[in-house]
Amino acid sequence: MSWESKGVYKHFSGHVAYPEYARTQELVLSDHRTDTIRYVINDLLAVESYSITTDQAEYLAAFNRGPSIYNPHLRIAYVTTDTKIRMLIKLVAVISSYELFVFPTLAAAREWSAALV
């Protein structure tokens, strides 16, 4: 995970378990810099497998309600071509306080993040 001038980049690889992903979300949303960033990019292209249930994903989407009050302009991007992950993101997007975007390449996500004011 790395902090950038306007956001955060998180790279995941191999097997991603719920505690690992949840911890990165907690680290970002509890940091004072979150009040001013514009984006979070979750790079999932190198993920080979994951163990995150629908209930856990919904919990994480609901978890961001409080921080969204302080920064309603934050946008969340996921970089993946995995159909199951894309379906999970689509499902939780309904209850997420933040707008969620999915991109097939990191370059596309970077182009999107560069355009955010």
PDB file of N, CA and C in Angstrom:
ATOM      1  N   MET A   1       0.842  -1.169   0.000  1.00  0.00           N
ATOM      2  CA  MET A   1       0.000   0.000   0.000  1.00  0.00           C
ATOM      3  C   MET A   1       0.885   1.229   0.000  1.00  0.00           C
ATOM      4  N   SER A   2       0.576   2.183  -0.862  1.00  0.00           N
ATOM      5  CA  SER A   2       1.365   3.407  -0.885  1.00  0.00           C
ATOM      6  C   SER A   2       0.458   4.634  -1.027  1.00  0.00           C
ATOM      7  N   TRP A   3       0.800   5.643  -0.252  1.00  0.00           N
ATOM      8  CA  TRP A   3       0.081   6.910  -0.301  1.00  0.00           C
ATOM      9  C   TRP A   3       0.661   7.749  -1.422  1.00  0.00           C
ATOM     10  N   GLU A   4      -0.219   8.357  -2.206  1.00  0.00           N
ATOM     11  CA  GLU A   4       0.175   9.215  -3.308  1.00  0.00           C
ATOM     12  C   GLU A   4      -0.373  10.612  -3.048  1.00  0.00           C
ATOM     13  N   SER A   5      -0.061  11.559  -3.894  1.00  0.00           N
ATOM     14  CA  SER A   5      -0.459  12.945  -3.626  1.00  0.00           C
ATOM     15  C   SER A   5      -1.978  13.127  -3.554  1.00  0.00           C
ATOM     16  N   LYS A   6      -2.718  12.395  -4.385  1.00  0.00           N
ATOM     17  CA  LYS A   6      -4.173  12.545  -4.381  1.00  0.00           C
ATOM     18  C   LYS A   6      -4.911  11.269  -3.986  1.00  0.00           C
ATOM     19  N   GLY A   7      -4.173  10.255  -3.552  1.00  0.00           N
ATOM     20  CA  GLY A   7      -4.863   9.009  -3.245  1.00  0.00           C
ATOM     21  C   GLY A   7      -3.970   7.932  -2.665  1.00  0.00           C
ATOM     22  N   VAL A   8      -4.498   6.713  -2.754  1.00  0.00           N
ATOM     23  CA  VAL A   8      -3.795   5.538  -2.227  1.00  0.00           C
ATOM     24  C   VAL A   8      -3.821   4.446  -3.289  1.00  0.00           C
ATOM     25  N   TYR A   9      -2.688   3.783  -3.440  1.00  0.00           N
ATOM     26  CA  TYR A   9      -2.590   2.641  -4.333  1.00  0.00           C
ATOM     27  C   TYR A   9      -2.352   1.404  -3.472  1.00  0.00           C
ATOM     28  N   LYS A  10      -3.195   0.384  -3.667  1.00  0.00           N
ATOM     29  CA  LYS A  10      -3.044  -0.878  -2.933  1.00  0.00           C
ATOM     30  C   LYS A  10      -2.880  -2.013  -3.946  1.00  0.00           C
ATOM     31  N   HIS A  11      -1.806  -2.764  -3.808  1.00  0.00           N
ATOM     32  CA  HIS A  11      -1.536  -3.886  -4.701  1.00  0.00           C
ATOM     33  C   HIS A  11      -1.699  -5.190  -3.933  1.00  0.00           C
ATOM     34  N   PHE A  12      -2.464  -6.096  -4.507  1.00  0.00           N
ATOM     35  CA  PHE A  12      -2.695  -7.403  -3.895  1.00  0.00           C
ATOM     36  C   PHE A  12      -2.198  -8.479  -4.855  1.00  0.00           C
ATOM     37  N   SER A  13      -1.682  -9.583  -4.290  1.00  0.00           N
ATOM     38  CA  SER A  13      -1.229 -10.683  -5.136  1.00  0.00           C
ATOM     39  C   SER A  13      -1.408 -12.008  -4.408  1.00  0.00           C
ATOM     40  N   GLY A  14      -1.344 -13.081  -5.189  1.00  0.00           N
ATOM     41  CA  GLY A  14      -1.485 -14.420  -4.610  1.00  0.00           C
ATOM     42  C   GLY A  14      -2.881 -14.635  -4.062  1.00  0.00           C
ATOM     43  N   HIS A  15      -2.952 -15.198  -2.867  1.00  0.00           N
ATOM     44  CA  HIS A  15      -4.237 -15.424  -2.209  1.00  0.00           C
ATOM     45  C   HIS A  15      -4.531 -14.243  -1.280  1.00  0.00           C
ATOM     46  N   VAL A  16      -5.713 -13.675  -1.406  1.00  0.00           N
ATOM     47  CA  VAL A  16      -6.126 -12.559  -0.549  1.00  0.00           C
ATOM     48  C   VAL A  16      -7.263 -13.041   0.347  1.00  0.00           C
ATOM     49  N   ALA A  17      -7.028 -12.980   1.643  1.00  0.00           N
ATOM     50  CA  ALA A  17      -8.035 -13.369   2.627  1.00  0.00           C
ATOM     51  C   ALA A  17      -8.709 -12.113   3.178  1.00  0.00           C
ATOM     52  N   TYR A  18      -9.899 -12.299   3.694  1.00  0.00           N
ATOM     53  CA  TYR A  18     -10.666 -11.184   4.242  1.00  0.00           C
ATOM     54  C   TYR A  18      -9.877 -10.331   5.235  1.00  0.00           C
ATOM     55  N   PRO A  19      -9.202 -10.927   6.234  1.00  0.00           N
ATOM     56  CA  PRO A  19      -8.485 -10.084   7.207  1.00  0.00           C
ATOM     57  C   PRO A  19      -7.440  -9.169   6.558  1.00  0.00           C
ATOM     58  N   GLU A  20      -6.766  -9.669   5.545  1.00  0.00           N
ATOM     59  CA  GLU A  20      -5.750  -8.862   4.859  1.00  0.00           C
ATOM     60  C   GLU A  20      -6.386  -7.666   4.151  1.00  0.00           C
ATOM     61  N   TYR A  21      -7.443  -7.930   3.382  1.00  0.00           N
ATOM     62  CA  TYR A  21      -8.097  -6.832   2.663  1.00  0.00           C
ATOM     63  C   TYR A  21      -8.744  -5.850   3.643  1.00  0.00           C
ATOM     64  N   ALA A  22      -9.415  -6.366   4.653  1.00  0.00           N
ATOM     65  CA  ALA A  22     -10.082  -5.512   5.645  1.00  0.00           C
ATOM     66  C   ALA A  22      -9.069  -4.614   6.349  1.00  0.00           C
ATOM     67  N   ARG A  23      -7.908  -5.149   6.665  1.00  0.00           N
ATOM     68  CA  ARG A  23      -6.885  -4.357   7.356  1.00  0.00           C
ATOM     69  C   ARG A  23      -6.423  -3.183   6.497  1.00  0.00           C
ATOM     70  N   THR A  24      -6.270  -3.383   5.203  1.00  0.00           N
ATOM     71  CA  THR A  24      -5.858  -2.271   4.344  1.00  0.00           C
ATOM     72  C   THR A  24      -6.935  -1.199   4.295  1.00  0.00           C
ATOM     73  N   GLN A  25      -8.198  -1.612   4.296  1.00  0.00           N
ATOM     74  CA  GLN A  25      -9.294  -0.634   4.298  1.00  0.00           C
ATOM     75  C   GLN A  25      -9.301   0.147   5.614  1.00  0.00           C
ATOM     76  N   GLU A  26      -9.113  -0.563   6.722  1.00  0.00           N
ATOM     77  CA  GLU A  26      -9.066   0.106   8.032  1.00  0.00           C
ATOM     78  C   GLU A  26      -7.908   1.097   8.104  1.00  0.00           C
ATOM     79  N   LEU A  27      -6.744   0.712   7.579  1.00  0.00           N
ATOM     80  CA  LEU A  27      -5.582   1.594   7.608  1.00  0.00           C
ATOM     81  C   LEU A  27      -5.823   2.875   6.811  1.00  0.00           C
ATOM     82  N   VAL A  28      -6.464   2.746   5.677  1.00  0.00           N
ATOM     83  CA  VAL A  28      -6.750   3.929   4.857  1.00  0.00           C
ATOM     84  C   VAL A  28      -7.817   4.794   5.523  1.00  0.00           C
ATOM     85  N   LEU A  29      -8.936   4.201   5.895  1.00  0.00           N
ATOM     86  CA  LEU A  29     -10.064   4.991   6.397  1.00  0.00           C
ATOM     87  C   LEU A  29      -9.834   5.574   7.782  1.00  0.00           C
ATOM     88  N   SER A  30      -8.864   5.059   8.518  1.00  0.00           N
ATOM     89  CA  SER A  30      -8.581   5.617   9.842  1.00  0.00           C
ATOM     90  C   SER A  30      -7.464   6.666   9.812  1.00  0.00           C
ATOM     91  N   ASP A  31      -6.863   6.863   8.666  1.00  0.00           N
ATOM     92  CA  ASP A  31      -5.758   7.823   8.538  1.00  0.00           C
ATOM     93  C   ASP A  31      -6.312   9.231   8.286  1.00  0.00           C
ATOM     94  N   HIS A  32      -5.722  10.230   8.921  1.00  0.00           N
ATOM     95  CA  HIS A  32      -6.191  11.607   8.768  1.00  0.00           C
ATOM     96  C   HIS A  32      -6.101  12.108   7.329  1.00  0.00           C
ATOM     97  N   ARG A  33      -5.209  11.534   6.523  1.00  0.00           N
ATOM     98  CA  ARG A  33      -5.078  11.949   5.125  1.00  0.00           C
ATOM     99  C   ARG A  33      -6.285  11.574   4.282  1.00  0.00           C
ATOM    100  N   THR A  34      -7.078  10.628   4.766  1.00  0.00           N
ATOM    101  CA  THR A  34      -8.251  10.184   4.021  1.00  0.00           C
ATOM    102  C   THR A  34      -9.255  11.316   3.833  1.00  0.00           C
ATOM    103  N   ASP A  35      -9.229  12.301   4.708  1.00  0.00           N
ATOM    104  CA  ASP A  35     -10.166  13.424   4.594  1.00  0.00           C
ATOM    105  C   ASP A  35      -9.951  14.249   3.335  1.00  0.00           C
ATOM    106  N   THR A  36      -8.778  14.146   2.717  1.00  0.00           N
ATOM    107  CA  THR A  36      -8.484  14.993   1.561  1.00  0.00           C
ATOM    108  C   THR A  36      -8.146  14.243   0.277  1.00  0.00           C
ATOM    109  N   ILE A  37      -8.008  12.928   0.315  1.00  0.00           N
ATOM    110  CA  ILE A  37      -7.657  12.203  -0.908  1.00  0.00           C
ATOM    111  C   ILE A  37      -8.860  12.078  -1.831  1.00  0.00           C
ATOM    112  N   ARG A  38      -8.598  11.806  -3.102  1.00  0.00           N
ATOM    113  CA  ARG A  38      -9.645  11.700  -4.118  1.00  0.00           C
ATOM    114  C   ARG A  38      -9.927  10.266  -4.544  1.00  0.00           C
ATOM    115  N   TYR A  39      -8.959   9.354  -4.371  1.00  0.00           N
ATOM    116  CA  TYR A  39      -9.156   8.000  -4.874  1.00  0.00           C
ATOM    117  C   TYR A  39      -8.406   6.966  -4.054  1.00  0.00           C
ATOM    118  N   VAL A  40      -8.882   5.735  -4.176  1.00  0.00           N
ATOM    119  CA  VAL A  40      -8.158   4.543  -3.733  1.00  0.00           C
ATOM    120  C   VAL A  40      -8.190   3.584  -4.913  1.00  0.00           C
ATOM    121  N   ILE A  41      -7.032   3.118  -5.325  1.00  0.00           N
ATOM    122  CA  ILE A  41      -6.955   2.117  -6.391  1.00  0.00           C
ATOM    123  C   ILE A  41      -6.563   0.788  -5.760  1.00  0.00           C
ATOM    124  N   ASN A  42      -7.426  -0.200  -5.906  1.00  0.00           N
ATOM    125  CA  ASN A  42      -7.174  -1.563  -5.443  1.00  0.00           C
ATOM    126  C   ASN A  42      -6.773  -2.395  -6.658  1.00  0.00           C
ATOM    127  N   ASP A  43      -5.499  -2.671  -6.795  1.00  0.00           N
ATOM    128  CA  ASP A  43      -4.985  -3.430  -7.926  1.00  0.00           C
ATOM    129  C   ASP A  43      -5.065  -4.923  -7.590  1.00  0.00           C
ATOM    130  N   LEU A  44      -5.989  -5.595  -8.242  1.00  0.00           N
ATOM    131  CA  LEU A  44      -6.236  -7.012  -7.973  1.00  0.00           C
ATOM    132  C   LEU A  44      -5.783  -7.913  -9.128  1.00  0.00           C
ATOM    133  N   LEU A  45      -5.050  -7.362 -10.079  1.00  0.00           N
ATOM    134  CA  LEU A  45      -4.666  -8.138 -11.258  1.00  0.00           C
ATOM    135  C   LEU A  45      -3.816  -9.366 -10.937  1.00  0.00           C
ATOM    136  N   ALA A  46      -3.004  -9.297  -9.893  1.00  0.00           N
ATOM    137  CA  ALA A  46      -2.128 -10.423  -9.544  1.00  0.00           C
ATOM    138  C   ALA A  46      -2.760 -11.376  -8.522  1.00  0.00           C
ATOM    139  N   VAL A  47      -4.036 -11.160  -8.207  1.00  0.00           N
ATOM    140  CA  VAL A  47      -4.719 -12.043  -7.258  1.00  0.00           C
ATOM    141  C   VAL A  47      -5.047 -13.363  -7.958  1.00  0.00           C
ATOM    142  N   GLU A  48      -4.606 -14.446  -7.353  1.00  0.00           N
ATOM    143  CA  GLU A  48      -4.857 -15.780  -7.905  1.00  0.00           C
ATOM    144  C   GLU A  48      -6.091 -16.429  -7.287  1.00  0.00           C
ATOM    145  N   SER A  49      -6.362 -16.081  -6.027  1.00  0.00           N
ATOM    146  CA  SER A  49      -7.542 -16.602  -5.339  1.00  0.00           C
ATOM    147  C   SER A  49      -7.862 -15.666  -4.181  1.00  0.00           C
ATOM    148  N   TYR A  50      -9.075 -15.790  -3.674  1.00  0.00           N
ATOM    149  CA  TYR A  50      -9.462 -14.956  -2.539  1.00  0.00           C
ATOM    150  C   TYR A  50     -10.481 -15.694  -1.695  1.00  0.00           C
ATOM    151  N   SER A  51     -10.551 -15.304  -0.430  1.00  0.00           N
ATOM    152  CA  SER A  51     -11.551 -15.870   0.463  1.00  0.00           C
ATOM    153  C   SER A  51     -12.241 -14.720   1.189  1.00  0.00           C
ATOM    154  N   ILE A  52     -13.135 -14.094   0.470  1.00  0.00           N
ATOM    155  CA  ILE A  52     -13.963 -13.011   0.998  1.00  0.00           C
ATOM    156  C   ILE A  52     -15.394 -13.357   0.636  1.00  0.00           C
ATOM    157  N   THR A  53     -16.226 -13.518   1.651  1.00  0.00           N
ATOM    158  CA  THR A  53     -17.619 -13.879   1.397  1.00  0.00           C
ATOM    159  C   THR A  53     -18.432 -12.635   1.046  1.00  0.00           C
ATOM    160  N   THR A  54     -19.616 -12.843   0.553  1.00  0.00           N
ATOM    161  CA  THR A  54     -20.521 -11.737   0.245  1.00  0.00           C
ATOM    162  C   THR A  54     -20.825 -10.941   1.507  1.00  0.00           C
ATOM    163  N   ASP A  55     -21.080 -11.621   2.614  1.00  0.00           N
ATOM    164  CA  ASP A  55     -21.362 -10.931   3.882  1.00  0.00           C
ATOM    165  C   ASP A  55     -20.185 -10.065   4.317  1.00  0.00           C
ATOM    166  N   GLN A  56     -18.976 -10.580   4.176  1.00  0.00           N
ATOM    167  CA  GLN A  56     -17.793  -9.810   4.552  1.00  0.00           C
ATOM    168  C   GLN A  56     -17.620  -8.594   3.640  1.00  0.00           C
ATOM    169  N   ALA A  57     -17.855  -8.776   2.357  1.00  0.00           N
ATOM    170  CA  ALA A  57     -17.751  -7.661   1.414  1.00  0.00           C
ATOM    171  C   ALA A  57     -18.805  -6.601   1.717  1.00  0.00           C
ATOM    172  N   GLU A  58     -20.012  -7.027   2.064  1.00  0.00           N
ATOM    173  CA  GLU A  58     -21.068  -6.079   2.424  1.00  0.00           C
ATOM    174  C   GLU A  58     -20.706  -5.328   3.698  1.00  0.00           C
ATOM    175  N   TYR A  59     -20.107  -6.006   4.661  1.00  0.00           N
ATOM    176  CA  TYR A  59     -19.678  -5.346   5.892  1.00  0.00           C
ATOM    177  C   TYR A  59     -18.658  -4.257   5.586  1.00  0.00           C
ATOM    178  N   LEU A  60     -17.693  -4.571   4.738  1.00  0.00           N
ATOM    179  CA  LEU A  60     -16.677  -3.579   4.388  1.00  0.00           C
ATOM    180  C   LEU A  60     -17.287  -2.390   3.658  1.00  0.00           C
ATOM    181  N   ALA A  61     -18.289  -2.634   2.823  1.00  0.00           N
ATOM    182  CA  ALA A  61     -18.968  -1.533   2.133  1.00  0.00           C
ATOM    183  C   ALA A  61     -19.710  -0.656   3.128  1.00  0.00           C
ATOM    184  N   ALA A  62     -20.326  -1.261   4.125  1.00  0.00           N
ATOM    185  CA  ALA A  62     -21.050  -0.499   5.148  1.00  0.00           C
ATOM    186  C   ALA A  62     -20.085   0.223   6.086  1.00  0.00           C
ATOM    187  N   PHE A  63     -18.908  -0.348   6.283  1.00  0.00           N
ATOM    188  CA  PHE A  63     -17.888   0.211   7.177  1.00  0.00           C
ATOM    189  C   PHE A  63     -17.460   1.619   6.745  1.00  0.00           C
ATOM    190  N   ASN A  64     -17.595   1.916   5.470  1.00  0.00           N
ATOM    191  CA  ASN A  64     -17.133   3.215   4.981  1.00  0.00           C
ATOM    192  C   ASN A  64     -18.156   4.336   5.140  1.00  0.00           C
ATOM    193  N   ARG A  65     -19.292   4.079   5.729  1.00  0.00           N
ATOM    194  CA  ARG A  65     -20.316   5.118   5.919  1.00  0.00           C
ATOM    195  C   ARG A  65     -19.789   6.307   6.714  1.00  0.00           C
ATOM    196  N   GLY A  66     -19.153   6.068   7.848  1.00  0.00           N
ATOM    197  CA  GLY A  66     -18.642   7.159   8.677  1.00  0.00           C
ATOM    198  C   GLY A  66     -17.609   8.011   7.957  1.00  0.00           C
ATOM    199  N   PRO A  67     -16.554   7.396   7.412  1.00  0.00           N
ATOM    200  CA  PRO A  67     -15.550   8.195   6.705  1.00  0.00           C
ATOM    201  C   PRO A  67     -16.108   8.965   5.506  1.00  0.00           C
ATOM    202  N   SER A  68     -17.169   8.456   4.896  1.00  0.00           N
ATOM    203  CA  SER A  68     -17.724   9.148   3.724  1.00  0.00           C
ATOM    204  C   SER A  68     -18.344  10.493   4.090  1.00  0.00           C
ATOM    205  N   ILE A  69     -18.680  10.690   5.349  1.00  0.00           N
ATOM    206  CA  ILE A  69     -19.218  11.980   5.790  1.00  0.00           C
ATOM    207  C   ILE A  69     -18.125  13.040   5.711  1.00  0.00           C
ATOM    208  N   TYR A  70     -16.904  12.671   6.056  1.00  0.00           N
ATOM    209  CA  TYR A  70     -15.787  13.605   6.064  1.00  0.00           C
ATOM    210  C   TYR A  70     -15.193  13.832   4.673  1.00  0.00           C
ATOM    211  N   ASN A  71     -15.316  12.847   3.812  1.00  0.00           N
ATOM    212  CA  ASN A  71     -14.798  12.993   2.456  1.00  0.00           C
ATOM    213  C   ASN A  71     -15.754  12.326   1.474  1.00  0.00           C
ATOM    214  N   PRO A  72     -16.831  13.024   1.113  1.00  0.00           N
ATOM    215  CA  PRO A  72     -17.794  12.440   0.179  1.00  0.00           C
ATOM    216  C   PRO A  72     -17.289  12.391  -1.268  1.00  0.00           C
ATOM    217  N   HIS A  73     -16.128  12.989  -1.533  1.00  0.00           N
ATOM    218  CA  HIS A  73     -15.584  13.039  -2.895  1.00  0.00           C
ATOM    219  C   HIS A  73     -14.646  11.882  -3.216  1.00  0.00           C
ATOM    220  N   LEU A  74     -14.359  11.054  -2.238  1.00  0.00           N
ATOM    221  CA  LEU A  74     -13.471   9.910  -2.448  1.00  0.00           C
ATOM    222  C   LEU A  74     -14.135   8.901  -3.379  1.00  0.00           C
ATOM    223  N   ARG A  75     -13.363   8.374  -4.319  1.00  0.00           N
ATOM    224  CA  ARG A  75     -13.831   7.348  -5.242  1.00  0.00           C
ATOM    225  C   ARG A  75     -12.926   6.136  -5.100  1.00  0.00           C
ATOM    226  N   ILE A  76     -13.510   4.955  -5.286  1.00  0.00           N
ATOM    227  CA  ILE A  76     -12.773   3.700  -5.115  1.00  0.00           C
ATOM    228  C   ILE A  76     -12.725   2.956  -6.443  1.00  0.00           C
ATOM    229  N   ALA A  77     -11.520   2.585  -6.847  1.00  0.00           N
ATOM    230  CA  ALA A  77     -11.339   1.834  -8.093  1.00  0.00           C
ATOM    231  C   ALA A  77     -10.794   0.445  -7.798  1.00  0.00           C
ATOM    232  N   TYR A  78     -11.224  -0.495  -8.593  1.00  0.00           N
ATOM    233  CA  TYR A  78     -10.723  -1.864  -8.551  1.00  0.00           C
ATOM    234  C   TYR A  78     -10.189  -2.195  -9.930  1.00  0.00           C
ATOM    235  N   VAL A  79      -9.009  -2.770  -9.969  1.00  0.00           N
ATOM    236  CA  VAL A  79      -8.415  -3.176 -11.233  1.00  0.00           C
ATOM    237  C   VAL A  79      -8.429  -4.697 -11.255  1.00  0.00           C
ATOM    238  N   THR A  80      -9.273  -5.240 -12.119  1.00  0.00           N
ATOM    239  CA  THR A  80      -9.409  -6.700 -12.196  1.00  0.00           C
ATOM    240  C   THR A  80     -10.084  -7.089 -13.505  1.00  0.00           C
ATOM    241  N   THR A  81      -9.786  -8.293 -13.938  1.00  0.00           N
ATOM    242  CA  THR A  81     -10.496  -8.875 -15.074  1.00  0.00           C
ATOM    243  C   THR A  81     -11.247 -10.133 -14.628  1.00  0.00           C
ATOM    244  N   ASP A  82     -11.161 -10.431 -13.342  1.00  0.00           N
ATOM    245  CA  ASP A  82     -11.800 -11.624 -12.786  1.00  0.00           C
ATOM    246  C   ASP A  82     -13.311 -11.420 -12.696  1.00  0.00           C
ATOM    247  N   THR A  83     -14.065 -12.275 -13.345  1.00  0.00           N
ATOM    248  CA  THR A  83     -15.519 -12.145 -13.402  1.00  0.00           C
ATOM    249  C   THR A  83     -16.163 -12.237 -12.029  1.00  0.00           C
ATOM    250  N   LYS A  84     -15.706 -13.147 -11.193  1.00  0.00           N
ATOM    251  CA  LYS A  84     -16.299 -13.300  -9.858  1.00  0.00           C
ATOM    252  C   LYS A  84     -16.039 -12.078  -8.982  1.00  0.00           C
ATOM    253  N   ILE A  85     -14.840 -11.533  -9.064  1.00  0.00           N
ATOM    254  CA  ILE A  85     -14.535 -10.328  -8.281  1.00  0.00           C
ATOM    255  C   ILE A  85     -15.375  -9.160  -8.788  1.00  0.00           C
ATOM    256  N   ARG A  86     -15.515  -9.049 -10.091  1.00  0.00           N
ATOM    257  CA  ARG A  86     -16.333  -7.966 -10.668  1.00  0.00           C
ATOM    258  C   ARG A  86     -17.789  -8.080 -10.196  1.00  0.00           C
ATOM    259  N   MET A  87     -18.310  -9.297 -10.122  1.00  0.00           N
ATOM    260  CA  MET A  87     -19.684  -9.501  -9.649  1.00  0.00           C
ATOM    261  C   MET A  87     -19.812  -9.109  -8.177  1.00  0.00           C
ATOM    262  N   LEU A  88     -18.820  -9.451  -7.366  1.00  0.00           N
ATOM    263  CA  LEU A  88     -18.827  -9.104  -5.952  1.00  0.00           C
ATOM    264  C   LEU A  88     -18.812  -7.576  -5.776  1.00  0.00           C
ATOM    265  N   ILE A  89     -18.007  -6.892  -6.567  1.00  0.00           N
ATOM    266  CA  ILE A  89     -17.947  -5.428  -6.507  1.00  0.00           C
ATOM    267  C   ILE A  89     -19.291  -4.823  -6.906  1.00  0.00           C
ATOM    268  N   LYS A  90     -19.878  -5.351  -7.942  1.00  0.00           N
ATOM    269  CA  LYS A  90     -21.197  -4.856  -8.394  1.00  0.00           C
ATOM    270  C   LYS A  90     -22.240  -5.027  -7.295  1.00  0.00           C
ATOM    271  N   LEU A  91     -22.181  -6.140  -6.591  1.00  0.00           N
ATOM    272  CA  LEU A  91     -23.125  -6.412  -5.509  1.00  0.00           C
ATOM    273  C   LEU A  91     -22.974  -5.411  -4.371  1.00  0.00           C
ATOM    274  N   VAL A  92     -21.753  -5.151  -3.932  1.00  0.00           N
ATOM    275  CA  VAL A  92     -21.551  -4.259  -2.792  1.00  0.00           C
ATOM    276  C   VAL A  92     -21.654  -2.783  -3.179  1.00  0.00           C
ATOM    277  N   ALA A  93     -21.542  -2.481  -4.447  1.00  0.00           N
ATOM    278  CA  ALA A  93     -21.657  -1.086  -4.894  1.00  0.00           C
ATOM    279  C   ALA A  93     -23.009  -0.488  -4.526  1.00  0.00           C
ATOM    280  N   VAL A  94     -24.009  -1.323  -4.416  1.00  0.00           N
ATOM    281  CA  VAL A  94     -25.360  -0.866  -4.079  1.00  0.00           C
ATOM    282  C   VAL A  94     -25.408  -0.247  -2.682  1.00  0.00           C
ATOM    283  N   ILE A  95     -24.613  -0.764  -1.740  1.00  0.00           N
ATOM    284  CA  ILE A  95     -24.669  -0.240  -0.368  1.00  0.00           C
ATOM    285  C   ILE A  95     -23.449   0.593   0.015  1.00  0.00           C
ATOM    286  N   SER A  96     -22.475   0.686  -0.871  1.00  0.00           N
ATOM    287  CA  SER A  96     -21.274   1.464  -0.561  1.00  0.00           C
ATOM    288  C   SER A  96     -21.591   2.954  -0.543  1.00  0.00           C
ATOM    289  N   SER A  97     -21.017   3.668   0.409  1.00  0.00           N
ATOM    290  CA  SER A  97     -21.168   5.121   0.466  1.00  0.00           C
ATOM    291  C   SER A  97     -20.331   5.797  -0.608  1.00  0.00           C
ATOM    292  N   TYR A  98     -19.326   5.116  -1.077  1.00  0.00           N
ATOM    293  CA  TYR A  98     -18.459   5.660  -2.110  1.00  0.00           C
ATOM    294  C   TYR A  98     -18.822   5.070  -3.463  1.00  0.00           C
ATOM    295  N   GLU A  99     -18.594   5.842  -4.497  1.00  0.00           N
ATOM    296  CA  GLU A  99     -18.804   5.349  -5.844  1.00  0.00           C
ATOM    297  C   GLU A  99     -17.664   4.389  -6.178  1.00  0.00           C
ATOM    298  N   LEU A 100     -18.002   3.228  -6.723  1.00  0.00           N
ATOM    299  CA  LEU A 100     -17.020   2.201  -7.049  1.00  0.00           C
ATOM    300  C   LEU A 100     -16.872   2.088  -8.560  1.00  0.00           C
ATOM    301  N   PHE A 101     -15.644   1.919  -9.012  1.00  0.00           N
ATOM    302  CA  PHE A 101     -15.340   1.788 -10.434  1.00  0.00           C
ATOM    303  C   PHE A 101     -14.476   0.558 -10.642  1.00  0.00           C
ATOM    304  N   VAL A 102     -14.645  -0.097 -11.777  1.00  0.00           N
ATOM    305  CA  VAL A 102     -13.842  -1.271 -12.108  1.00  0.00           C
ATOM    306  C   VAL A 102     -13.156  -1.020 -13.444  1.00  0.00           C
ATOM    307  N   PHE A 103     -11.864  -1.294 -13.481  1.00  0.00           N
ATOM    308  CA  PHE A 103     -11.070  -1.113 -14.685  1.00  0.00           C
ATOM    309  C   PHE A 103     -10.325  -2.400 -15.010  1.00  0.00           C
ATOM    310  N   PRO A 104     -10.140  -2.691 -16.304  1.00  0.00           N
ATOM    311  CA  PRO A 104      -9.437  -3.920 -16.680  1.00  0.00           C
ATOM    312  C   PRO A 104      -7.917  -3.794 -16.644  1.00  0.00           C
ATOM    313  N   THR A 105      -7.414  -2.551 -16.602  1.00  0.00           N
ATOM    314  CA  THR A 105      -5.965  -2.350 -16.579  1.00  0.00           C
ATOM    315  C   THR A 105      -5.611  -1.258 -15.573  1.00  0.00           C
ATOM    316  N   LEU A 106      -4.394  -1.322 -15.071  1.00  0.00           N
ATOM    317  CA  LEU A 106      -3.918  -0.284 -14.166  1.00  0.00           C
ATOM    318  C   LEU A 106      -3.793   1.040 -14.913  1.00  0.00           C
ATOM    319  N   ALA A 107      -3.404   0.987 -16.169  1.00  0.00           N
ATOM    320  CA  ALA A 107      -3.282   2.216 -16.964  1.00  0.00           C
ATOM    321  C   ALA A 107      -4.625   2.944 -17.043  1.00  0.00           C
ATOM    322  N   ALA A 108      -5.707   2.208 -17.234  1.00  0.00           N
ATOM    323  CA  ALA A 108      -7.039   2.824 -17.297  1.00  0.00           C
ATOM    324  C   ALA A 108      -7.416   3.440 -15.957  1.00  0.00           C
ATOM    325  N   ALA A 109      -7.092   2.761 -14.869  1.00  0.00           N
ATOM    326  CA  ALA A 109      -7.379   3.296 -13.535  1.00  0.00           C
ATOM    327  C   ALA A 109      -6.539   4.540 -13.262  1.00  0.00           C
ATOM    328  N   ARG A 110      -5.294   4.537 -13.700  1.00  0.00           N
ATOM    329  CA  ARG A 110      -4.422   5.699 -13.520  1.00  0.00           C
ATOM    330  C   ARG A 110      -4.930   6.894 -14.331  1.00  0.00           C
ATOM    331  N   GLU A 111      -5.395   6.643 -15.518  1.00  0.00           N
ATOM    332  CA  GLU A 111      -5.957   7.718 -16.350  1.00  0.00           C
ATOM    333  C   GLU A 111      -7.183   8.320 -15.671  1.00  0.00           C
ATOM    334  N   TRP A 112      -8.051   7.458 -15.145  1.00  0.00           N
ATOM    335  CA  TRP A 112      -9.248   7.899 -14.415  1.00  0.00           C
ATOM    336  C   TRP A 112      -8.853   8.719 -13.190  1.00  0.00           C
ATOM    337  N   SER A 113      -7.890   8.237 -12.408  1.00  0.00           N
ATOM    338  CA  SER A 113      -7.513   8.943 -11.174  1.00  0.00           C
ATOM    339  C   SER A 113      -6.854  10.287 -11.480  1.00  0.00           C
ATOM    340  N   ALA A 114      -6.122  10.380 -12.571  1.00  0.00           N
ATOM    341  CA  ALA A 114      -5.465  11.633 -12.937  1.00  0.00           C
ATOM    342  C   ALA A 114      -6.483  12.708 -13.306  1.00  0.00           C
ATOM    343  N   ALA A 115      -7.659  12.287 -13.764  1.00  0.00           N
ATOM    344  CA  ALA A 115      -8.691  13.236 -14.172  1.00  0.00           C
ATOM    345  C   ALA A 115      -9.512  13.759 -13.000  1.00  0.00           C
ATOM    346  N   LEU A 116      -9.374  13.149 -11.823  1.00  0.00           N
ATOM    347  CA  LEU A 116     -10.134  13.595 -10.661  1.00  0.00           C
ATOM    348  C   LEU A 116      -9.552  14.904 -10.141  1.00  0.00           C
ATOM    349  N   VAL A 117     -10.417  15.839  -9.875  1.00  0.00           N
ATOM    350  CA  VAL A 117      -9.958  17.169  -9.388  1.00  0.00           C
ATOM    351  C   VAL A 117      -9.851  17.151  -7.887  1.00  0.00           C
TER     352      VAL A 117
END
